[in-house]
Protein backbone atom coordinates (compact mmCIF):
# COMPACT_ATOMS: atom_id res chain seq x y z
CA MET A 1 119.56 179.73 238.37
CA ILE A 2 116.75 177.96 236.08
CA ARG A 3 113.81 180.66 235.39
CA THR A 4 111.37 179.61 237.54
CA ARG A 5 107.93 180.44 235.74
CA ALA A 6 105.39 181.61 237.95
CA LEU A 7 105.68 179.59 241.24
CA LEU A 8 102.62 178.79 243.47
CA ALA A 9 102.50 178.03 247.25
CA VAL A 10 101.94 174.21 247.82
CA ALA A 11 97.95 175.15 248.99
CA ALA A 12 97.62 177.09 245.68
CA VAL A 13 98.77 174.36 243.50
CA ALA A 14 96.34 171.63 245.08
CA ALA A 15 93.81 173.89 244.83
CA ALA A 16 94.51 174.68 241.07
CA ALA A 17 94.47 170.95 240.29
CA VAL A 18 91.16 170.33 242.39
CA ALA A 19 89.33 173.18 240.39
CA LEU A 20 90.95 171.79 237.43
CA ALA A 21 89.70 168.04 237.47
CA ALA A 22 86.25 169.74 238.19
CA ALA A 23 86.08 171.91 235.60
CA VAL A 24 87.54 169.21 232.93
CA PRO A 25 86.63 165.64 234.35
CA ALA A 26 89.58 163.25 233.53
CA GLY A 27 88.13 160.84 230.51
CA ALA A 28 85.03 163.71 229.70
CA ALA A 29 83.81 162.52 226.22
CA LYS A 30 84.25 165.57 223.55
CA LYS A 31 81.58 166.87 221.38
CA THR A 32 80.55 164.30 218.66
CA THR A 33 81.26 166.77 215.29
CA SER A 34 82.87 166.77 212.25
CA LYS A 35 85.41 168.34 214.31
CA PRO A 36 87.30 167.33 217.49
CA SER A 37 86.69 170.26 220.34
CA ILE A 38 90.13 171.11 221.95
CA VAL A 39 90.79 172.24 225.30
CA ILE A 40 93.83 174.67 225.90
CA GLY A 41 95.20 174.79 228.77
CA SER A 42 98.80 176.95 230.27
CA THR A 43 100.70 177.81 233.13
CA ASN A 44 100.22 181.14 234.92
CA PHE A 45 102.51 182.59 233.26
CA GLU A 46 102.04 185.38 230.81
CA GLU A 47 104.13 184.38 227.43
CA GLN A 48 102.17 181.06 227.48
CA ALA A 49 98.25 182.43 228.28
CA ILE A 50 99.47 184.58 224.88
CA VAL A 51 100.40 181.79 222.98
CA SER A 52 97.46 179.97 224.36
CA ASN A 53 95.20 182.55 222.66
CA ILE A 54 96.53 182.59 219.47
CA TYR A 55 96.41 178.74 218.90
CA GLY A 56 93.01 179.25 220.31
CA ASP A 57 91.82 182.08 217.72
CA VAL A 58 93.43 179.86 214.71
CA LEU A 59 91.51 176.87 215.87
CA SER A 60 88.01 178.79 216.07
CA ARG A 61 88.50 180.51 213.20
CA ALA A 62 89.12 176.97 211.42
CA GLY A 63 85.26 175.87 213.02
CA PHE A 64 86.82 173.98 215.81
CA HIS A 65 84.70 173.84 218.83
CA VAL A 66 87.84 175.74 221.49
CA THR A 67 87.89 176.47 225.59
CA VAL A 68 91.11 178.19 226.47
CA GLU A 69 91.94 177.62 230.05
CA PRO A 70 94.90 180.03 230.94
CA ALA A 71 96.93 180.53 234.01
CA LEU A 72 95.86 176.75 235.54
CA GLY A 73 98.96 176.95 237.58
CA THR A 74 102.48 175.68 237.00
CA ARG A 75 103.74 173.02 235.16
CA ALA A 76 102.99 170.45 237.65
CA ILE A 77 99.40 170.99 237.42
CA VAL A 78 99.89 171.72 232.89
CA VAL A 79 101.66 168.37 232.24
CA PRO A 80 99.71 166.23 234.20
CA ALA A 81 96.93 167.72 233.13
CA ILE A 82 97.30 166.71 229.39
CA GLU A 83 98.57 163.33 230.07
CA LYS A 84 95.50 162.65 231.69
CA GLY A 85 93.21 164.00 228.79
CA GLN A 86 91.68 166.85 231.34
CA ILE A 87 93.02 169.26 228.48
CA ASP A 88 94.08 168.64 224.89
CA LEU A 89 96.95 171.25 224.46
CA GLU A 90 99.18 173.42 225.86
CA PRO A 91 102.38 175.58 224.70
CA ASP A 92 105.35 174.19 226.03
CA TYR A 93 109.13 174.81 226.32
CA ALA A 94 111.18 171.49 224.21
CA ALA A 95 114.42 171.07 226.88
CA SER A 96 112.50 172.47 230.05
CA LEU A 97 109.68 170.07 229.23
CA LEU A 98 111.77 167.19 229.06
CA ALA A 99 113.57 168.13 231.85
CA PHE A 100 110.66 167.93 233.85
CA LEU A 101 109.63 164.40 231.94
CA HIS A 102 112.36 163.36 233.49
CA GLY A 103 112.24 164.30 237.34
CA GLY A 104 113.64 167.60 236.69
CA ASN A 105 117.02 167.25 235.23
CA PRO A 106 118.14 168.73 232.80
CA GLN A 107 118.86 166.00 229.64
CA LYS A 108 121.55 166.24 227.35
CA ALA A 109 119.34 165.83 224.31
CA GLY A 110 117.59 169.10 225.84
CA ASP A 111 120.49 170.98 224.13
CA ASN A 112 119.91 170.92 220.56
CA ILE A 113 116.11 171.17 219.44
CA ALA A 114 116.76 168.59 216.50
CA THR A 115 117.20 166.54 219.50
CA ALA A 116 114.73 167.49 221.89
CA ILE A 117 111.75 167.38 219.83
CA PRO A 118 112.27 163.41 219.33
CA ALA A 119 113.07 162.72 223.00
CA ASP A 120 109.79 164.86 224.20
CA ARG A 121 107.98 162.85 221.82
CA LYS A 122 109.05 159.27 222.91
CA ALA A 123 109.07 160.71 226.67
CA LEU A 124 105.14 161.75 226.04
CA ALA A 125 104.05 158.46 223.90
CA PRO A 126 102.89 156.58 226.79
CA TYR A 127 100.10 159.11 227.82
CA GLY A 128 98.79 159.30 224.23
CA VAL A 129 100.67 162.76 224.06
CA THR A 130 102.74 164.20 221.40
CA VAL A 131 104.66 167.47 220.11
CA LEU A 132 104.28 169.25 216.97
CA ASN A 133 106.83 171.38 214.86
CA PRO A 134 108.77 174.06 217.20
CA SER A 135 108.43 177.94 216.66
CA LYS A 136 111.09 179.88 215.97
CA ALA A 137 110.73 181.60 219.58
CA LEU A 138 113.22 180.93 221.97
CA ASP A 139 112.78 181.60 225.82
CA THR A 140 116.14 180.97 227.39
CA ASN A 141 119.12 182.52 229.24
CA VAL A 142 120.73 184.92 226.74
CA PHE A 143 124.24 186.94 227.22
CA ALA A 144 123.58 190.55 225.50
CA VAL A 145 126.11 193.15 224.55
CA THR A 146 125.32 196.42 223.65
CA GLN A 147 124.73 197.50 219.88
CA ALA A 148 128.29 199.69 220.09
CA THR A 149 130.23 197.00 221.65
CA ALA A 150 129.05 194.40 219.51
CA LYS A 151 130.03 196.68 216.55
CA LYS A 152 133.73 197.16 217.72
CA TYR A 153 134.43 193.94 218.53
CA HIS A 154 132.33 192.03 216.04
CA LEU A 155 130.60 190.19 218.37
CA THR A 156 127.75 188.00 216.67
CA THR A 157 128.20 184.64 218.99
CA LEU A 158 129.57 183.82 222.00
CA SER A 159 132.23 182.01 220.68
CA SER A 160 133.18 185.61 219.34
CA LEU A 161 133.66 187.17 222.56
CA LYS A 162 136.87 184.96 223.50
CA PRO A 163 139.50 187.31 222.34
CA TYR A 164 137.91 190.14 224.34
CA ALA A 165 136.42 188.51 227.48
CA SER A 166 139.64 189.16 229.49
CA LYS A 167 138.93 192.87 228.99
CA MET A 168 135.26 192.62 229.95
CA ILE A 169 132.99 192.50 233.70
CA LEU A 170 130.35 189.89 233.61
CA GLY A 171 127.09 190.92 234.86
CA GLY A 172 123.87 188.15 236.20
CA PRO A 173 122.27 187.00 238.83
CA PRO A 174 124.19 186.63 242.29
CA GLU A 175 124.41 182.52 241.73
CA CYS A 176 126.04 183.23 238.13
CA PRO A 177 129.65 182.32 239.15
CA THR A 178 128.25 179.14 240.31
CA TYR A 179 125.74 177.59 237.80
CA ALA A 180 126.29 175.47 235.11
CA GLY A 181 124.28 177.41 232.63
CA CYS A 182 125.91 181.07 233.42
CA GLU A 183 129.90 182.10 234.23
CA VAL A 184 130.92 177.82 234.42
CA GLY A 185 129.55 177.23 231.34
CA LEU A 186 130.74 180.19 229.75
CA GLU A 187 134.16 179.00 230.76
CA LYS A 188 133.69 175.15 230.42
CA VAL A 189 132.21 175.57 226.86
CA TYR A 190 133.20 178.71 225.56
CA GLY A 191 137.03 178.90 227.19
CA LEU A 192 135.85 182.38 228.09
CA HIS A 193 137.29 184.36 231.21
CA PHE A 194 136.54 188.00 231.93
CA ALA A 195 137.77 190.34 233.76
CA GLY A 196 135.42 190.17 236.71
CA PHE A 197 131.81 189.21 237.86
CA LYS A 198 129.07 192.05 238.91
CA PRO A 199 126.54 190.70 241.08
CA LEU A 200 122.60 192.11 239.83
CA ASP A 201 119.59 190.65 239.72
CA GLU A 202 117.79 187.71 237.55
CA ALA A 203 117.60 189.51 234.12
CA GLY A 204 116.20 192.61 235.80
CA PRO A 205 116.45 196.41 236.05
CA LEU A 206 119.52 196.56 237.69
CA SER A 207 121.19 194.00 234.66
CA VAL A 208 120.06 196.54 232.43
CA ALA A 209 121.04 199.45 233.44
CA ALA A 210 124.18 197.95 234.27
CA LEU A 211 124.71 197.39 230.74
CA LYS A 212 123.18 200.47 229.28
CA ASP A 213 125.78 202.71 231.58
CA GLY A 214 128.62 200.11 231.00
CA GLU A 215 129.31 199.22 234.18
CA VAL A 216 129.26 195.42 232.96
CA GLN A 217 130.13 194.79 229.05
CA VAL A 218 128.04 191.45 228.75
CA VAL A 219 125.08 190.65 231.21
CA GLU A 220 122.61 187.51 231.44
CA LEU A 221 119.09 188.39 230.47
CA PHE A 222 115.86 186.21 229.15
CA SER A 223 115.79 185.67 225.68
CA SER A 224 111.91 186.77 224.84
CA ASP A 225 111.11 189.40 228.05
CA GLY A 226 111.34 192.18 226.03
CA ASN A 227 114.64 193.93 227.60
CA VAL A 228 116.67 193.17 224.37
CA VAL A 229 114.13 194.17 221.88
CA ALA A 230 113.27 197.32 224.05
CA ASN A 231 116.98 198.27 224.54
CA HIS A 232 118.49 197.67 221.03
CA PHE A 233 121.12 195.11 223.15
CA VAL A 234 122.61 192.07 220.80
CA ALA A 235 121.82 189.10 222.15
CA LEU A 236 125.04 186.71 221.10
CA THR A 237 124.11 183.13 219.65
CA ASP A 238 124.59 179.99 221.73
CA ASN A 239 126.44 178.78 219.12
CA LYS A 240 127.95 175.60 221.47
CA HIS A 241 124.51 174.78 222.89
CA LEU A 242 125.43 175.87 226.66
CA GLU A 243 121.24 177.13 227.41
CA GLY A 244 118.88 174.27 226.36
CA ALA A 245 116.56 174.49 223.60
CA ASP A 246 113.82 176.10 224.69
CA TYR A 247 111.74 177.21 222.02
CA ILE A 248 108.17 176.89 222.52
CA VAL A 249 106.19 173.96 221.31
CA PRO A 250 102.54 173.32 220.92
CA VAL A 251 102.12 169.66 223.49
CA ILE A 252 98.84 167.92 222.14
CA ARG A 253 97.01 164.68 222.46
CA LYS A 254 96.64 162.66 219.71
CA SER A 255 93.21 162.14 220.12
CA VAL A 256 92.74 165.70 218.99
CA ASP A 257 95.66 165.87 216.81
CA THR A 258 94.31 165.87 213.17
CA PRO A 259 95.97 166.34 209.81
CA GLU A 260 94.40 169.82 210.02
CA VAL A 261 94.95 170.65 213.04
CA ALA A 262 98.98 170.25 213.20
CA ARG A 263 98.71 172.10 210.14
CA LEU A 264 97.09 175.14 211.68
CA LEU A 265 99.43 175.32 214.79
CA ASN A 266 102.70 174.68 212.83
CA GLY A 267 101.76 177.35 210.37
CA ILE A 268 101.60 180.05 213.07
CA ASP A 269 104.25 178.74 215.02
CA ALA A 270 106.59 179.42 211.74
CA LYS A 271 105.15 182.69 212.22
CA LEU A 272 106.26 183.31 215.93
CA THR A 273 109.80 184.37 216.49
CA THR A 274 111.75 185.56 219.80
CA VAL A 275 111.46 189.23 218.43
CA ALA A 276 107.95 188.67 218.05
CA ILE A 277 106.75 186.90 221.68
CA SER A 278 109.29 189.65 222.93
CA LYS A 279 106.94 192.42 221.78
CA LEU A 280 103.70 190.66 222.63
CA ASN A 281 105.25 189.91 226.12
CA LEU A 282 106.13 193.50 226.68
CA ASP A 283 102.44 194.83 225.82
CA VAL A 284 101.44 192.62 228.44
CA THR A 285 104.08 193.43 231.16
CA ALA A 286 104.70 196.78 230.40
CA LYS A 287 101.59 198.26 228.33
CA LYS A 288 99.23 195.99 230.84
CA GLU A 289 97.31 194.98 227.77
CA GLN A 290 95.38 191.30 228.11
CA PRO A 291 96.94 188.29 226.72
CA ALA A 292 93.63 187.67 224.33
CA ALA A 293 93.97 190.85 223.32
CA VAL A 294 97.73 190.80 222.65
CA ALA A 295 97.35 187.30 220.59
CA ALA A 296 94.40 188.67 218.63
CA ALA A 297 95.77 191.95 217.27
CA TRP A 298 99.28 190.15 216.54
CA LEU A 299 97.27 187.22 214.77
CA ARG A 300 95.48 190.19 212.56
CA SER A 301 99.42 191.34 211.64
CA VAL A 302 100.25 188.19 210.27
CA GLY A 303 97.43 187.86 208.29
CA TYR A 304 94.86 185.60 209.93
């Protein structure tokens, strides 16, 4: 039940790869200026389009020549593009990127951001690519309760659920009972045994409604898609690292990773929190605003 980020048909993926190669040829010479030209790419996932534009605005304001190419396709297009030098910078997710770099297999190092970043850097080094400091924005599976439930049982972490889980119904996508990152993991890692399970959708309206209406007391959602913030739910801290450490990270070619670029990107990532990106996602998905406009407005709000 790994979150699928904008899957495309095989033909569409191939077409996007061809278009990217034509638009930004591998090994294309950058402009000879005092500052490098930077091509920023992302998958066709709204959240990454927002972050790409945030990076682009910050670098442009500092005098860099920037081209933003959002919606290039899946990670299977974007990561090879940065490895080949077709793009220079892309926002990604520490644990999912590490798994991709190892053939799609989740890696133990991805469980914790302190180990995920060095592992990403090691895997990317042969391609002349590295990863900068992670943001504070986490996009992963979370288990949420209502504020009333959290207050009643003093819940803050998944571990704090243990004395009460046997009185609660867990909700989630149908595959949750057999998925290592859902009910199986909650039992194995946290010792949680629920009174029952209710099959719902994957972090969608059924899951939200079931938690609000009391049909379930715990439900699996996504940390940054806006449902937690919009409904004032409490996302319980995964204190034993059941889920991957999918914090948003800048992935960058070393050829453009100057001290100034690193300083600018690390500075803005320090301000990018899970709550912040959740609200930006809502602006795009619920209010139908454009990622570039949302990015620009947020930057103004944090003093850029």
